[in-house]
Amino acid sequence: MSRILGYLTVDQKGRTTIPQEMRSALGLEAGTQLRVDRSDDGVFELIPAEVIPRDQLWFHTPEVQARVAQAETEFSNGGSTQTDGPDETQRFLDSLKKRSDTRRAKD
């Protein structure tokens, strides 16, 4: 069951102010963007939205999310490598690239 939190008034330029009490109840802070959805039965909803910058969209693809989940699982199970210094770190990273290239060549 829905509950009325209050009313908003729209001015001549289409602007409105959400009162502090309502912002607190909705968990809205300065800078929060709201997405407006309309359901099939005509109900409008204001939903706090997180906008992802275009240059970061790649991270949110299913493929990358699956790789991140796999890496987190491996790390939780003790799978990690420690290197000592930038030269050793670079050698380790290069070895990972070679392994990745070898796997691609087999596919």
N, C-alpha and C. Protein backbone atom coordinates (compact mmCIF):
# COMPACT_ATOMS: atom_id res chain seq x y z
N MET A 1 0.85 -1.17 0.00
CA MET A 1 0.00 0.00 0.00
C MET A 1 0.90 1.24 0.00
N SER A 2 0.54 2.22 -0.82
CA SER A 2 1.34 3.44 -0.90
C SER A 2 0.93 4.42 0.19
N ARG A 3 1.84 5.35 0.45
CA ARG A 3 1.61 6.37 1.48
C ARG A 3 2.05 7.71 0.91
N ILE A 4 1.27 8.74 1.10
CA ILE A 4 1.61 10.07 0.57
C ILE A 4 2.66 10.70 1.49
N LEU A 5 3.78 11.09 0.87
CA LEU A 5 4.83 11.76 1.63
C LEU A 5 4.66 13.27 1.61
N GLY A 6 3.95 13.79 0.65
CA GLY A 6 3.75 15.23 0.53
C GLY A 6 3.40 15.57 -0.91
N TYR A 7 3.37 16.84 -1.18
CA TYR A 7 3.02 17.34 -2.51
C TYR A 7 4.10 18.28 -2.99
N LEU A 8 4.29 18.32 -4.30
CA LEU A 8 5.23 19.23 -4.92
C LEU A 8 4.48 20.18 -5.83
N THR A 9 4.96 21.40 -5.92
CA THR A 9 4.37 22.39 -6.81
C THR A 9 5.39 22.72 -7.89
N VAL A 10 4.95 22.75 -9.12
CA VAL A 10 5.80 23.05 -10.25
C VAL A 10 5.60 24.52 -10.62
N ASP A 11 6.72 25.26 -10.78
CA ASP A 11 6.60 26.68 -11.14
C ASP A 11 6.46 26.85 -12.65
N GLN A 12 6.41 28.11 -13.12
CA GLN A 12 6.19 28.41 -14.54
C GLN A 12 7.27 27.83 -15.45
N LYS A 13 8.49 27.64 -14.92
CA LYS A 13 9.59 27.10 -15.72
C LYS A 13 9.71 25.57 -15.58
N GLY A 14 8.76 24.94 -14.91
CA GLY A 14 8.78 23.49 -14.76
C GLY A 14 9.63 22.98 -13.61
N ARG A 15 10.07 23.88 -12.73
CA ARG A 15 10.93 23.49 -11.61
C ARG A 15 10.10 23.21 -10.37
N THR A 16 10.67 22.39 -9.51
CA THR A 16 10.05 22.13 -8.21
C THR A 16 11.14 21.99 -7.17
N THR A 17 10.77 22.12 -5.92
CA THR A 17 11.70 21.93 -4.81
C THR A 17 11.18 20.78 -3.96
N ILE A 18 12.03 19.82 -3.69
CA ILE A 18 11.65 18.71 -2.82
C ILE A 18 12.01 19.11 -1.39
N PRO A 19 11.01 19.21 -0.51
CA PRO A 19 11.28 19.63 0.87
C PRO A 19 12.29 18.71 1.57
N GLN A 20 13.04 19.26 2.52
CA GLN A 20 14.09 18.53 3.23
C GLN A 20 13.56 17.23 3.86
N GLU A 21 12.41 17.29 4.49
CA GLU A 21 11.85 16.09 5.13
C GLU A 21 11.62 14.97 4.11
N MET A 22 11.14 15.35 2.93
CA MET A 22 10.89 14.38 1.87
C MET A 22 12.22 13.85 1.32
N ARG A 23 13.22 14.74 1.13
CA ARG A 23 14.54 14.32 0.64
C ARG A 23 15.17 13.32 1.61
N SER A 24 15.03 13.59 2.89
CA SER A 24 15.58 12.67 3.90
C SER A 24 14.87 11.32 3.83
N ALA A 25 13.55 11.33 3.75
CA ALA A 25 12.78 10.08 3.69
C ALA A 25 13.14 9.27 2.45
N LEU A 26 13.46 9.95 1.35
CA LEU A 26 13.79 9.29 0.09
C LEU A 26 15.27 8.97 -0.05
N GLY A 27 16.08 9.47 0.90
CA GLY A 27 17.52 9.23 0.83
C GLY A 27 18.21 10.02 -0.27
N LEU A 28 17.66 11.19 -0.60
CA LEU A 28 18.23 12.02 -1.67
C LEU A 28 19.24 13.00 -1.10
N GLU A 29 20.35 13.15 -1.80
CA GLU A 29 21.38 14.11 -1.43
C GLU A 29 21.62 15.04 -2.60
N ALA A 30 22.33 16.12 -2.35
CA ALA A 30 22.67 17.05 -3.42
C ALA A 30 23.39 16.29 -4.53
N GLY A 31 22.99 16.51 -5.76
CA GLY A 31 23.61 15.85 -6.90
C GLY A 31 22.95 14.55 -7.32
N THR A 32 22.02 14.03 -6.51
CA THR A 32 21.33 12.80 -6.87
C THR A 32 20.51 13.02 -8.13
N GLN A 33 20.67 12.14 -9.10
CA GLN A 33 19.85 12.20 -10.31
C GLN A 33 18.68 11.26 -10.13
N LEU A 34 17.53 11.67 -10.63
CA LEU A 34 16.32 10.85 -10.54
C LEU A 34 15.91 10.41 -11.93
N ARG A 35 15.65 9.12 -12.06
CA ARG A 35 15.12 8.58 -13.30
C ARG A 35 13.60 8.54 -13.15
N VAL A 36 12.87 8.93 -14.18
CA VAL A 36 11.41 8.90 -14.14
C VAL A 36 10.94 7.72 -14.97
N ASP A 37 10.23 6.81 -14.33
CA ASP A 37 9.67 5.64 -15.01
C ASP A 37 8.15 5.75 -15.02
N ARG A 38 7.55 5.23 -16.07
CA ARG A 38 6.09 5.15 -16.14
C ARG A 38 5.72 3.70 -16.37
N SER A 39 4.94 3.14 -15.47
CA SER A 39 4.54 1.74 -15.58
C SER A 39 3.43 1.59 -16.61
N ASP A 40 3.13 0.34 -16.96
CA ASP A 40 2.08 0.07 -17.93
C ASP A 40 0.72 0.58 -17.48
N ASP A 41 0.51 0.64 -16.16
CA ASP A 41 -0.79 1.13 -15.65
C ASP A 41 -0.80 2.63 -15.39
N GLY A 42 0.26 3.35 -15.87
CA GLY A 42 0.26 4.80 -15.80
C GLY A 42 0.85 5.42 -14.55
N VAL A 43 1.41 4.61 -13.65
CA VAL A 43 2.00 5.13 -12.42
C VAL A 43 3.41 5.64 -12.72
N PHE A 44 3.73 6.83 -12.24
CA PHE A 44 5.06 7.40 -12.40
C PHE A 44 5.87 7.14 -11.14
N GLU A 45 7.13 6.81 -11.34
CA GLU A 45 8.04 6.58 -10.22
C GLU A 45 9.30 7.41 -10.43
N LEU A 46 9.79 8.01 -9.36
CA LEU A 46 11.08 8.70 -9.36
C LEU A 46 12.06 7.76 -8.69
N ILE A 47 13.11 7.37 -9.41
CA ILE A 47 14.05 6.38 -8.91
C ILE A 47 15.45 7.00 -8.90
N PRO A 48 16.11 7.02 -7.72
CA PRO A 48 17.49 7.52 -7.71
C PRO A 48 18.33 6.71 -8.69
N ALA A 49 19.08 7.40 -9.53
CA ALA A 49 19.84 6.73 -10.59
C ALA A 49 21.31 7.07 -10.48
N GLU A 50 22.13 6.08 -10.82
CA GLU A 50 23.57 6.29 -10.93
C GLU A 50 23.90 6.28 -12.41
N VAL A 51 24.42 7.36 -12.89
CA VAL A 51 24.77 7.46 -14.30
C VAL A 51 26.23 7.05 -14.46
N ILE A 52 26.49 6.17 -15.40
CA ILE A 52 27.84 5.67 -15.64
C ILE A 52 28.45 6.47 -16.78
N PRO A 53 29.63 7.07 -16.55
CA PRO A 53 30.29 7.79 -17.64
C PRO A 53 30.55 6.86 -18.83
N ARG A 54 30.42 7.37 -20.03
CA ARG A 54 30.54 6.59 -21.25
C ARG A 54 31.87 5.82 -21.31
N ASP A 55 32.96 6.43 -20.84
CA ASP A 55 34.26 5.76 -20.93
C ASP A 55 34.42 4.64 -19.90
N GLN A 56 33.41 4.44 -19.04
CA GLN A 56 33.47 3.36 -18.07
C GLN A 56 32.42 2.28 -18.32
N LEU A 57 31.67 2.39 -19.40
CA LEU A 57 30.63 1.42 -19.70
C LEU A 57 31.18 0.00 -19.91
N TRP A 58 32.40 -0.10 -20.42
CA TRP A 58 33.00 -1.42 -20.69
C TRP A 58 33.02 -2.27 -19.43
N PHE A 59 33.21 -1.64 -18.27
CA PHE A 59 33.32 -2.39 -17.02
C PHE A 59 32.01 -3.07 -16.64
N HIS A 60 30.91 -2.57 -17.12
CA HIS A 60 29.59 -3.07 -16.73
C HIS A 60 29.02 -4.08 -17.71
N THR A 61 29.84 -4.55 -18.64
CA THR A 61 29.37 -5.58 -19.56
C THR A 61 29.34 -6.93 -18.83
N PRO A 62 28.48 -7.84 -19.25
CA PRO A 62 28.41 -9.15 -18.58
C PRO A 62 29.75 -9.89 -18.58
N GLU A 63 30.52 -9.77 -19.67
CA GLU A 63 31.80 -10.46 -19.76
C GLU A 63 32.77 -9.97 -18.69
N VAL A 64 32.90 -8.66 -18.55
CA VAL A 64 33.83 -8.11 -17.57
C VAL A 64 33.33 -8.40 -16.15
N GLN A 65 32.05 -8.30 -15.92
CA GLN A 65 31.51 -8.59 -14.59
C GLN A 65 31.77 -10.06 -14.21
N ALA A 66 31.68 -10.96 -15.18
CA ALA A 66 31.98 -12.37 -14.91
C ALA A 66 33.45 -12.55 -14.55
N ARG A 67 34.33 -11.86 -15.26
CA ARG A 67 35.77 -11.94 -14.96
C ARG A 67 36.08 -11.38 -13.59
N VAL A 68 35.43 -10.28 -13.21
CA VAL A 68 35.64 -9.68 -11.89
C VAL A 68 35.16 -10.64 -10.81
N ALA A 69 34.00 -11.25 -11.01
CA ALA A 69 33.47 -12.20 -10.03
C ALA A 69 34.42 -13.39 -9.87
N GLN A 70 34.95 -13.89 -10.99
CA GLN A 70 35.90 -15.00 -10.94
C GLN A 70 37.17 -14.60 -10.18
N ALA A 71 37.67 -13.41 -10.45
CA ALA A 71 38.88 -12.94 -9.77
C ALA A 71 38.64 -12.78 -8.27
N GLU A 72 37.47 -12.26 -7.89
CA GLU A 72 37.17 -12.10 -6.47
C GLU A 72 37.08 -13.45 -5.78
N THR A 73 36.50 -14.44 -6.46
CA THR A 73 36.43 -15.79 -5.89
C THR A 73 37.82 -16.37 -5.71
N GLU A 74 38.66 -16.25 -6.74
CA GLU A 74 40.02 -16.77 -6.66
C GLU A 74 40.80 -16.08 -5.54
N PHE A 75 40.64 -14.77 -5.41
CA PHE A 75 41.34 -14.03 -4.37
C PHE A 75 40.86 -14.47 -2.98
N SER A 76 39.54 -14.66 -2.83
CA SER A 76 38.98 -15.11 -1.55
C SER A 76 39.50 -16.49 -1.17
N ASN A 77 39.81 -17.30 -2.17
CA ASN A 77 40.32 -18.65 -1.93
C ASN A 77 41.84 -18.69 -1.81
N GLY A 78 42.46 -17.52 -1.65
CA GLY A 78 43.90 -17.46 -1.44
C GLY A 78 44.72 -17.30 -2.69
N GLY A 79 44.09 -17.12 -3.80
CA GLY A 79 44.83 -16.97 -5.05
C GLY A 79 45.31 -15.54 -5.25
N SER A 80 46.58 -15.31 -4.98
CA SER A 80 47.16 -13.99 -5.23
C SER A 80 48.66 -14.16 -5.44
N THR A 81 49.28 -13.15 -6.02
CA THR A 81 50.71 -13.17 -6.27
C THR A 81 51.30 -11.87 -5.73
N GLN A 82 52.39 -12.01 -5.01
CA GLN A 82 53.06 -10.82 -4.47
C GLN A 82 54.38 -10.64 -5.22
N THR A 83 54.65 -9.42 -5.63
CA THR A 83 55.90 -9.13 -6.32
C THR A 83 56.69 -8.11 -5.53
N ASP A 84 57.98 -8.06 -5.81
CA ASP A 84 58.87 -7.15 -5.08
C ASP A 84 59.48 -6.16 -6.07
N GLY A 85 58.88 -4.99 -6.16
CA GLY A 85 59.42 -3.95 -7.01
C GLY A 85 58.81 -3.91 -8.39
N PRO A 86 59.02 -2.79 -9.08
CA PRO A 86 58.39 -2.59 -10.39
C PRO A 86 58.90 -3.54 -11.47
N ASP A 87 60.17 -3.92 -11.44
CA ASP A 87 60.70 -4.82 -12.48
C ASP A 87 60.06 -6.20 -12.37
N GLU A 88 60.00 -6.73 -11.15
CA GLU A 88 59.38 -8.04 -10.96
C GLU A 88 57.90 -7.99 -11.29
N THR A 89 57.25 -6.89 -10.94
CA THR A 89 55.83 -6.73 -11.25
C THR A 89 55.61 -6.74 -12.76
N GLN A 90 56.46 -6.03 -13.50
CA GLN A 90 56.33 -5.99 -14.95
C GLN A 90 56.55 -7.37 -15.56
N ARG A 91 57.55 -8.13 -15.05
CA ARG A 91 57.78 -9.48 -15.56
C ARG A 91 56.55 -10.36 -15.31
N PHE A 92 55.96 -10.23 -14.14
CA PHE A 92 54.77 -11.02 -13.84
C PHE A 92 53.62 -10.66 -14.77
N LEU A 93 53.40 -9.37 -14.98
CA LEU A 93 52.32 -8.93 -15.87
C LEU A 93 52.58 -9.41 -17.31
N ASP A 94 53.82 -9.35 -17.75
CA ASP A 94 54.16 -9.84 -19.08
C ASP A 94 53.89 -11.35 -19.20
N SER A 95 54.16 -12.11 -18.14
CA SER A 95 53.90 -13.55 -18.18
C SER A 95 52.40 -13.83 -18.28
N LEU A 96 51.59 -13.02 -17.64
CA LEU A 96 50.14 -13.18 -17.75
C LEU A 96 49.68 -12.91 -19.17
N LYS A 97 50.25 -11.89 -19.79
CA LYS A 97 49.88 -11.57 -21.17
C LYS A 97 50.25 -12.72 -22.10
N LYS A 98 51.43 -13.30 -21.90
CA LYS A 98 51.86 -14.43 -22.73
C LYS A 98 50.91 -15.61 -22.56
N ARG A 99 50.50 -15.88 -21.31
CA ARG A 99 49.55 -16.98 -21.07
C ARG A 99 48.23 -16.72 -21.77
N SER A 100 47.78 -15.46 -21.71
CA SER A 100 46.51 -15.08 -22.34
C SER A 100 46.62 -15.24 -23.86
N ASP A 101 47.75 -14.82 -24.44
CA ASP A 101 47.95 -14.94 -25.88
C ASP A 101 47.98 -16.42 -26.31
N THR A 102 48.60 -17.26 -25.48
CA THR A 102 48.68 -18.69 -25.78
C THR A 102 47.29 -19.31 -25.76
N ARG A 103 46.48 -18.94 -24.78
CA ARG A 103 45.12 -19.47 -24.70
C ARG A 103 44.30 -19.05 -25.91
N ARG A 104 44.43 -17.80 -26.34
CA ARG A 104 43.69 -17.33 -27.52
C ARG A 104 44.10 -18.08 -28.77
N ALA A 105 45.40 -18.37 -28.89
CA ALA A 105 45.89 -19.07 -30.07
C ALA A 105 45.31 -20.48 -30.14
N LYS A 106 45.06 -21.12 -28.99
CA LYS A 106 44.48 -22.46 -28.97
C LYS A 106 43.01 -22.44 -29.37
N ASP A 107 42.32 -21.35 -29.08
CA ASP A 107 40.88 -21.23 -29.41
C ASP A 107 40.71 -20.91 -30.83
